[in-house]
Amino acid sequence: MSPESLSDRFDRIWRRVGATDTTHEVFHDLYRAWTEPHRRYHGADHLRDCLTQLDDAPAGAVNRDLAEIALWFHDAVYLPGSPDNETRSAEWAARALLEAGGSQAKADEVARLVRLTDHTQPAEDPTGALVCDVDLSILGRPFAEFAEYERGIRAEYGSVPDQLYRLGRSAVLQRFLARDRLYRTAHFSDRYEAAARRNLLRSLETLGR
């Protein structure tokens, strides 16, 4: 998706969730954030991939419009290692939607969905599960694609000494593996669960060397 097609798509979804004011400034600020130079994985290509994964997921009893807005904002603030990226991204999403004429209820829901992408706890509701599964779908891709993702994450943490990075990254991956299910929706579980577990175990083996 080109920047122009992304802008058009954002304009359509922004209006579908009830925003009445112009989208150009919101999109400009969002796209500038997604293209910050320190983002080696959490950049515009990740956003494009999330939108593609959302499009490929079957329709269900979820609010897909609010799920999409949450994906647009879920890494809007991204500083590697910062503990409040998702909180600040959620606040940005809610503020932008309210300022554009959206309802308080929708702003609150989008903020909730964005906060879920810190992945500290599995999402228990259908819309939250969809958002989180989209975000985590990279874990279950073919290993070459997963390995490129891992290299991107390492590059984002380039200032962290190797031993500390290995310990921290291993802890993150082990927390995912400890879950009974990585994916909460049938579509993503069927497509990615087994491969994701293989990829995580292979990455942990590499990190432990």
C-alpha atoms as a PDB file:
ATOM      1  CA  MET A   1       0.000   0.000   0.000  1.00  0.00           C
ATOM      2  CA  SER A   2       1.384   3.356  -1.022  1.00  0.00           C
ATOM      3  CA  PRO A   3       1.162   6.351   1.323  1.00  0.00           C
ATOM      4  CA  GLU A   4      -1.657   7.640  -0.869  1.00  0.00           C
ATOM      5  CA  SER A   5      -3.652   4.399  -0.623  1.00  0.00           C
ATOM      6  CA  LEU A   6      -3.054   4.300   3.122  1.00  0.00           C
ATOM      7  CA  SER A   7      -4.339   7.868   3.384  1.00  0.00           C
ATOM      8  CA  ASP A   8      -7.460   6.974   1.419  1.00  0.00           C
ATOM      9  CA  ARG A   9      -8.061   3.900   3.552  1.00  0.00           C
ATOM     10  CA  PHE A  10      -7.633   5.858   6.762  1.00  0.00           C
ATOM     11  CA  ASP A  11     -10.045   8.508   5.547  1.00  0.00           C
ATOM     12  CA  ARG A  12     -12.716   5.881   4.923  1.00  0.00           C
ATOM     13  CA  ILE A  13     -12.316   4.051   8.238  1.00  0.00           C
ATOM     14  CA  TRP A  14     -12.043   7.291  10.224  1.00  0.00           C
ATOM     15  CA  ARG A  15     -15.391   8.427   8.893  1.00  0.00           C
ATOM     16  CA  ARG A  16     -16.998   5.019   9.438  1.00  0.00           C
ATOM     17  CA  VAL A  17     -16.248   5.203  13.162  1.00  0.00           C
ATOM     18  CA  GLY A  18     -18.007   8.552  13.418  1.00  0.00           C
ATOM     19  CA  ALA A  19     -15.249  11.131  12.965  1.00  0.00           C
ATOM     20  CA  THR A  20     -16.621  14.185  11.184  1.00  0.00           C
ATOM     21  CA  ASP A  21     -13.615  16.500  11.016  1.00  0.00           C
ATOM     22  CA  THR A  22     -10.893  16.308   8.365  1.00  0.00           C
ATOM     23  CA  THR A  23      -8.573  13.293   8.515  1.00  0.00           C
ATOM     24  CA  HIS A  24      -5.566  14.811   6.774  1.00  0.00           C
ATOM     25  CA  GLU A  25      -3.784  16.101   9.870  1.00  0.00           C
ATOM     26  CA  VAL A  26      -4.476  12.919  11.847  1.00  0.00           C
ATOM     27  CA  PHE A  27      -3.167  10.717   9.053  1.00  0.00           C
ATOM     28  CA  HIS A  28      -0.123  12.939   8.531  1.00  0.00           C
ATOM     29  CA  ASP A  29       0.817  12.735  12.213  1.00  0.00           C
ATOM     30  CA  LEU A  30       0.212   8.978  12.322  1.00  0.00           C
ATOM     31  CA  TYR A  31       2.198   8.249   9.182  1.00  0.00           C
ATOM     32  CA  ARG A  32       5.077  10.414  10.370  1.00  0.00           C
ATOM     33  CA  ALA A  33       5.136   8.400  13.601  1.00  0.00           C
ATOM     34  CA  TRP A  34       5.040   5.054  11.778  1.00  0.00           C
ATOM     35  CA  THR A  35       7.985   6.098   9.585  1.00  0.00           C
ATOM     36  CA  GLU A  36      10.326   7.265  12.346  1.00  0.00           C
ATOM     37  CA  PRO A  37      13.886   6.146  11.508  1.00  0.00           C
ATOM     38  CA  HIS A  38      14.445   4.065  14.657  1.00  0.00           C
ATOM     39  CA  ARG A  39      11.627   1.669  13.728  1.00  0.00           C
ATOM     40  CA  ARG A  40      13.261  -1.373  12.198  1.00  0.00           C
ATOM     41  CA  TYR A  41      10.263  -3.631  12.704  1.00  0.00           C
ATOM     42  CA  HIS A  42       7.506  -1.476  14.229  1.00  0.00           C
ATOM     43  CA  GLY A  43       7.255   0.726  11.160  1.00  0.00           C
ATOM     44  CA  ALA A  44       4.950   1.326   8.236  1.00  0.00           C
ATOM     45  CA  ASP A  45       5.483  -2.161   6.799  1.00  0.00           C
ATOM     46  CA  HIS A  46       4.195  -3.641  10.069  1.00  0.00           C
ATOM     47  CA  LEU A  47       1.117  -1.426   9.809  1.00  0.00           C
ATOM     48  CA  ARG A  48       0.538  -2.529   6.210  1.00  0.00           C
ATOM     49  CA  ASP A  49       0.927  -6.158   7.214  1.00  0.00           C
ATOM     50  CA  CYS A  50      -1.566  -5.765  10.067  1.00  0.00           C
ATOM     51  CA  LEU A  51      -4.142  -4.274   7.720  1.00  0.00           C
ATOM     52  CA  THR A  52      -3.609  -7.122   5.259  1.00  0.00           C
ATOM     53  CA  GLN A  53      -3.988  -9.711   8.016  1.00  0.00           C
ATOM     54  CA  LEU A  54      -7.189  -8.003   9.152  1.00  0.00           C
ATOM     55  CA  ASP A  55      -8.561  -8.025   5.617  1.00  0.00           C
ATOM     56  CA  ASP A  56      -7.822 -11.752   5.300  1.00  0.00           C
ATOM     57  CA  ALA A  57      -9.562 -12.655   8.559  1.00  0.00           C
ATOM     58  CA  PRO A  58     -13.163 -13.842   8.166  1.00  0.00           C
ATOM     59  CA  ALA A  59     -15.991 -11.626   9.300  1.00  0.00           C
ATOM     60  CA  GLY A  60     -17.347 -12.450  12.719  1.00  0.00           C
ATOM     61  CA  ALA A  61     -19.112 -11.048  15.748  1.00  0.00           C
ATOM     62  CA  VAL A  62     -16.586  -8.265  16.193  1.00  0.00           C
ATOM     63  CA  ASN A  63     -16.462  -4.552  15.547  1.00  0.00           C
ATOM     64  CA  ARG A  64     -14.025  -4.647  12.646  1.00  0.00           C
ATOM     65  CA  ASP A  65     -14.049  -0.872  12.210  1.00  0.00           C
ATOM     66  CA  LEU A  66     -12.921  -0.253  15.771  1.00  0.00           C
ATOM     67  CA  ALA A  67     -10.435  -3.121  15.448  1.00  0.00           C
ATOM     68  CA  GLU A  68      -8.935  -1.435  12.405  1.00  0.00           C
ATOM     69  CA  ILE A  69      -8.675   1.953  14.105  1.00  0.00           C
ATOM     70  CA  ALA A  70      -6.940   0.248  17.030  1.00  0.00           C
ATOM     71  CA  LEU A  71      -4.423  -1.294  14.617  1.00  0.00           C
ATOM     72  CA  TRP A  72      -3.745   2.093  13.040  1.00  0.00           C
ATOM     73  CA  PHE A  73      -2.835   3.458  16.475  1.00  0.00           C
ATOM     74  CA  HIS A  74      -1.427   0.420  18.294  1.00  0.00           C
ATOM     75  CA  ASP A  75       2.231   1.355  17.746  1.00  0.00           C
ATOM     76  CA  ALA A  76       1.688   5.041  17.110  1.00  0.00           C
ATOM     77  CA  VAL A  77       4.053   5.705  20.014  1.00  0.00           C
ATOM     78  CA  TYR A  78       7.017   3.351  19.936  1.00  0.00           C
ATOM     79  CA  LEU A  79      10.227   3.822  21.873  1.00  0.00           C
ATOM     80  CA  PRO A  80      12.101   0.525  22.342  1.00  0.00           C
ATOM     81  CA  GLY A  81      12.030  -0.527  25.967  1.00  0.00           C
ATOM     82  CA  SER A  82       9.542   2.099  27.088  1.00  0.00           C
ATOM     83  CA  PRO A  83       6.893   0.617  29.414  1.00  0.00           C
ATOM     84  CA  ASP A  84       4.123   3.002  28.360  1.00  0.00           C
ATOM     85  CA  ASN A  85       4.106   2.796  24.553  1.00  0.00           C
ATOM     86  CA  GLU A  86       0.652   1.207  24.457  1.00  0.00           C
ATOM     87  CA  THR A  87      -0.766   3.547  27.088  1.00  0.00           C
ATOM     88  CA  ARG A  88       0.426   6.623  25.226  1.00  0.00           C
ATOM     89  CA  SER A  89      -0.748   5.207  21.897  1.00  0.00           C
ATOM     90  CA  ALA A  90      -4.176   4.521  23.432  1.00  0.00           C
ATOM     91  CA  GLU A  91      -4.371   8.058  24.774  1.00  0.00           C
ATOM     92  CA  TRP A  92      -3.475   9.441  21.352  1.00  0.00           C
ATOM     93  CA  ALA A  93      -6.147   7.313  19.673  1.00  0.00           C
ATOM     94  CA  ALA A  94      -8.884   8.354  22.098  1.00  0.00           C
ATOM     95  CA  ARG A  95      -7.942  12.020  21.962  1.00  0.00           C
ATOM     96  CA  ALA A  96      -7.775  12.096  18.162  1.00  0.00           C
ATOM     97  CA  LEU A  97     -11.143  10.386  17.779  1.00  0.00           C
ATOM     98  CA  LEU A  98     -12.853  12.682  20.265  1.00  0.00           C
ATOM     99  CA  GLU A  99     -11.341  15.799  18.701  1.00  0.00           C
ATOM    100  CA  ALA A 100     -12.570  14.606  15.303  1.00  0.00           C
ATOM    101  CA  GLY A 101     -16.162  14.290  16.514  1.00  0.00           C
ATOM    102  CA  GLY A 102     -16.272  10.639  17.530  1.00  0.00           C
ATOM    103  CA  SER A 103     -18.202   9.448  20.543  1.00  0.00           C
ATOM    104  CA  GLN A 104     -16.767   8.912  24.005  1.00  0.00           C
ATOM    105  CA  ALA A 105     -17.850   5.268  23.905  1.00  0.00           C
ATOM    106  CA  LYS A 106     -15.928   4.573  20.707  1.00  0.00           C
ATOM    107  CA  ALA A 107     -12.889   6.487  21.914  1.00  0.00           C
ATOM    108  CA  ASP A 108     -12.856   4.445  25.123  1.00  0.00           C
ATOM    109  CA  GLU A 109     -13.201   1.176  23.229  1.00  0.00           C
ATOM    110  CA  VAL A 110     -10.424   1.976  20.770  1.00  0.00           C
ATOM    111  CA  ALA A 111      -8.156   2.942  23.663  1.00  0.00           C
ATOM    112  CA  ARG A 112      -8.937  -0.352  25.388  1.00  0.00           C
ATOM    113  CA  LEU A 113      -8.106  -2.312  22.255  1.00  0.00           C
ATOM    114  CA  VAL A 114      -4.811  -0.484  21.800  1.00  0.00           C
ATOM    115  CA  ARG A 115      -3.790  -1.170  25.393  1.00  0.00           C
ATOM    116  CA  LEU A 116      -4.378  -4.892  24.841  1.00  0.00           C
ATOM    117  CA  THR A 117      -1.486  -4.935  22.378  1.00  0.00           C
ATOM    118  CA  ASP A 118       0.989  -4.804  25.225  1.00  0.00           C
ATOM    119  CA  HIS A 119       0.185  -8.557  25.283  1.00  0.00           C
ATOM    120  CA  THR A 120       0.644  -8.843  29.031  1.00  0.00           C
ATOM    121  CA  GLN A 121      -2.626 -10.786  29.194  1.00  0.00           C
ATOM    122  CA  PRO A 122      -4.546 -12.659  26.487  1.00  0.00           C
ATOM    123  CA  ALA A 123      -7.593 -10.825  25.169  1.00  0.00           C
ATOM    124  CA  GLU A 124     -10.857 -12.398  26.286  1.00  0.00           C
ATOM    125  CA  ASP A 125     -13.347 -10.597  24.006  1.00  0.00           C
ATOM    126  CA  PRO A 126     -13.750 -11.251  20.263  1.00  0.00           C
ATOM    127  CA  THR A 127     -12.694  -7.794  19.032  1.00  0.00           C
ATOM    128  CA  GLY A 128      -9.707  -7.644  21.358  1.00  0.00           C
ATOM    129  CA  ALA A 129      -8.699 -11.167  20.346  1.00  0.00           C
ATOM    130  CA  LEU A 130      -8.795 -10.191  16.679  1.00  0.00           C
ATOM    131  CA  VAL A 131      -6.592  -7.130  17.241  1.00  0.00           C
ATOM    132  CA  CYS A 132      -4.050  -9.075  19.286  1.00  0.00           C
ATOM    133  CA  ASP A 133      -3.985 -12.025  16.900  1.00  0.00           C
ATOM    134  CA  VAL A 134      -3.337  -9.714  13.964  1.00  0.00           C
ATOM    135  CA  ASP A 135      -0.475  -8.070  15.833  1.00  0.00           C
ATOM    136  CA  LEU A 136       1.060 -11.430  16.805  1.00  0.00           C
ATOM    137  CA  SER A 137       0.583 -13.103  13.433  1.00  0.00           C
ATOM    138  CA  ILE A 138       4.260 -12.488  12.598  1.00  0.00           C
ATOM    139  CA  LEU A 139       5.181 -15.178  15.133  1.00  0.00           C
ATOM    140  CA  GLY A 140       3.679 -17.878  12.944  1.00  0.00           C
ATOM    141  CA  ARG A 141       5.058 -16.899   9.557  1.00  0.00           C
ATOM    142  CA  PRO A 142       7.569 -18.965   7.579  1.00  0.00           C
ATOM    143  CA  PHE A 143      10.824 -19.047   9.509  1.00  0.00           C
ATOM    144  CA  ALA A 144      12.714 -16.751   7.120  1.00  0.00           C
ATOM    145  CA  GLU A 145      10.072 -14.064   7.660  1.00  0.00           C
ATOM    146  CA  PHE A 146      10.047 -14.643  11.401  1.00  0.00           C
ATOM    147  CA  ALA A 147      13.847 -14.438  11.515  1.00  0.00           C
ATOM    148  CA  GLU A 148      13.740 -11.099   9.691  1.00  0.00           C
ATOM    149  CA  TYR A 149      11.287  -9.880  12.337  1.00  0.00           C
ATOM    150  CA  GLU A 150      13.679 -10.989  15.076  1.00  0.00           C
ATOM    151  CA  ARG A 151      16.548  -9.125  13.384  1.00  0.00           C
ATOM    152  CA  GLY A 152      14.387  -6.021  13.234  1.00  0.00           C
ATOM    153  CA  ILE A 153      13.620  -6.228  16.943  1.00  0.00           C
ATOM    154  CA  ARG A 154      17.315  -6.676  17.742  1.00  0.00           C
ATOM    155  CA  ALA A 155      18.145  -3.619  15.638  1.00  0.00           C
ATOM    156  CA  GLU A 156      15.585  -1.544  17.539  1.00  0.00           C
ATOM    157  CA  TYR A 157      17.378  -2.519  20.737  1.00  0.00           C
ATOM    158  CA  GLY A 158      20.803  -1.928  19.256  1.00  0.00           C
ATOM    159  CA  SER A 159      22.047  -0.015  22.278  1.00  0.00           C
ATOM    160  CA  VAL A 160      21.380  -2.953  24.619  1.00  0.00           C
ATOM    161  CA  PRO A 161      24.415  -5.201  25.278  1.00  0.00           C
ATOM    162  CA  ASP A 162      24.096  -8.620  23.713  1.00  0.00           C
ATOM    163  CA  GLN A 163      23.892 -10.649  26.916  1.00  0.00           C
ATOM    164  CA  LEU A 164      21.224  -8.413  28.411  1.00  0.00           C
ATOM    165  CA  TYR A 165      19.250  -8.491  25.172  1.00  0.00           C
ATOM    166  CA  ARG A 166      19.387 -12.291  25.028  1.00  0.00           C
ATOM    167  CA  LEU A 167      18.082 -12.572  28.574  1.00  0.00           C
ATOM    168  CA  GLY A 168      15.309 -10.037  28.059  1.00  0.00           C
ATOM    169  CA  ARG A 169      14.210 -11.346  24.693  1.00  0.00           C
ATOM    170  CA  SER A 170      14.216 -14.935  25.927  1.00  0.00           C
ATOM    171  CA  ALA A 171      11.933 -13.946  28.787  1.00  0.00           C
ATOM    172  CA  VAL A 172       9.468 -12.331  26.367  1.00  0.00           C
ATOM    173  CA  LEU A 173       9.374 -15.370  24.079  1.00  0.00           C
ATOM    174  CA  GLN A 174       9.053 -17.785  27.006  1.00  0.00           C
ATOM    175  CA  ARG A 175       6.018 -15.875  28.282  1.00  0.00           C
ATOM    176  CA  PHE A 176       4.329 -16.366  24.925  1.00  0.00           C
ATOM    177  CA  LEU A 177       5.191 -20.061  24.875  1.00  0.00           C
ATOM    178  CA  ALA A 178       3.774 -20.511  28.372  1.00  0.00           C
ATOM    179  CA  ARG A 179       0.299 -19.589  27.179  1.00  0.00           C
ATOM    180  CA  ASP A 180      -2.126 -22.392  26.514  1.00  0.00           C
ATOM    181  CA  ARG A 181      -2.993 -20.644  23.236  1.00  0.00           C
ATOM    182  CA  LEU A 182      -1.042 -17.945  21.437  1.00  0.00           C
ATOM    183  CA  TYR A 183      -4.025 -17.061  19.251  1.00  0.00           C
ATOM    184  CA  ARG A 184      -7.549 -16.644  20.531  1.00  0.00           C
ATOM    185  CA  THR A 185      -9.438 -16.724  17.225  1.00  0.00           C
ATOM    186  CA  ALA A 186      -9.956 -19.894  15.204  1.00  0.00           C
ATOM    187  CA  HIS A 187      -8.684 -18.297  11.997  1.00  0.00           C
ATOM    188  CA  PHE A 188      -5.306 -17.287  13.394  1.00  0.00           C
ATOM    189  CA  SER A 189      -4.951 -20.348  15.601  1.00  0.00           C
ATOM    190  CA  ASP A 190      -5.503 -22.706  12.682  1.00  0.00           C
ATOM    191  CA  ARG A 191      -3.149 -20.753  10.465  1.00  0.00           C
ATOM    192  CA  TYR A 192      -0.298 -19.825  12.813  1.00  0.00           C
ATOM    193  CA  GLU A 193      -0.340 -21.586  16.210  1.00  0.00           C
ATOM    194  CA  ALA A 194       1.846 -24.585  15.399  1.00  0.00           C
ATOM    195  CA  ALA A 195       4.333 -22.614  13.318  1.00  0.00           C
ATOM    196  CA  ALA A 196       4.563 -19.883  15.949  1.00  0.00           C
ATOM    197  CA  ARG A 197       5.525 -22.374  18.632  1.00  0.00           C
ATOM    198  CA  ARG A 198       8.179 -23.885  16.381  1.00  0.00           C
ATOM    199  CA  ASN A 199       9.566 -20.435  15.586  1.00  0.00           C
ATOM    200  CA  LEU A 200       9.652 -19.382  19.235  1.00  0.00           C
ATOM    201  CA  LEU A 201      11.440 -22.544  20.299  1.00  0.00           C
ATOM    202  CA  ARG A 202      13.974 -22.155  17.500  1.00  0.00           C
ATOM    203  CA  SER A 203      14.595 -18.535  18.424  1.00  0.00           C
ATOM    204  CA  LEU A 204      15.023 -19.419  22.099  1.00  0.00           C
ATOM    205  CA  GLU A 205      17.567 -22.034  21.142  1.00  0.00           C
ATOM    206  CA  THR A 206      19.530 -19.436  19.176  1.00  0.00           C
ATOM    207  CA  LEU A 207      19.317 -16.864  21.982  1.00  0.00           C
ATOM    208  CA  GLY A 208      20.584 -19.434  24.479  1.00  0.00           C
ATOM    209  CA  ARG A 209      23.756 -20.246  22.612  1.00  0.00           C
END
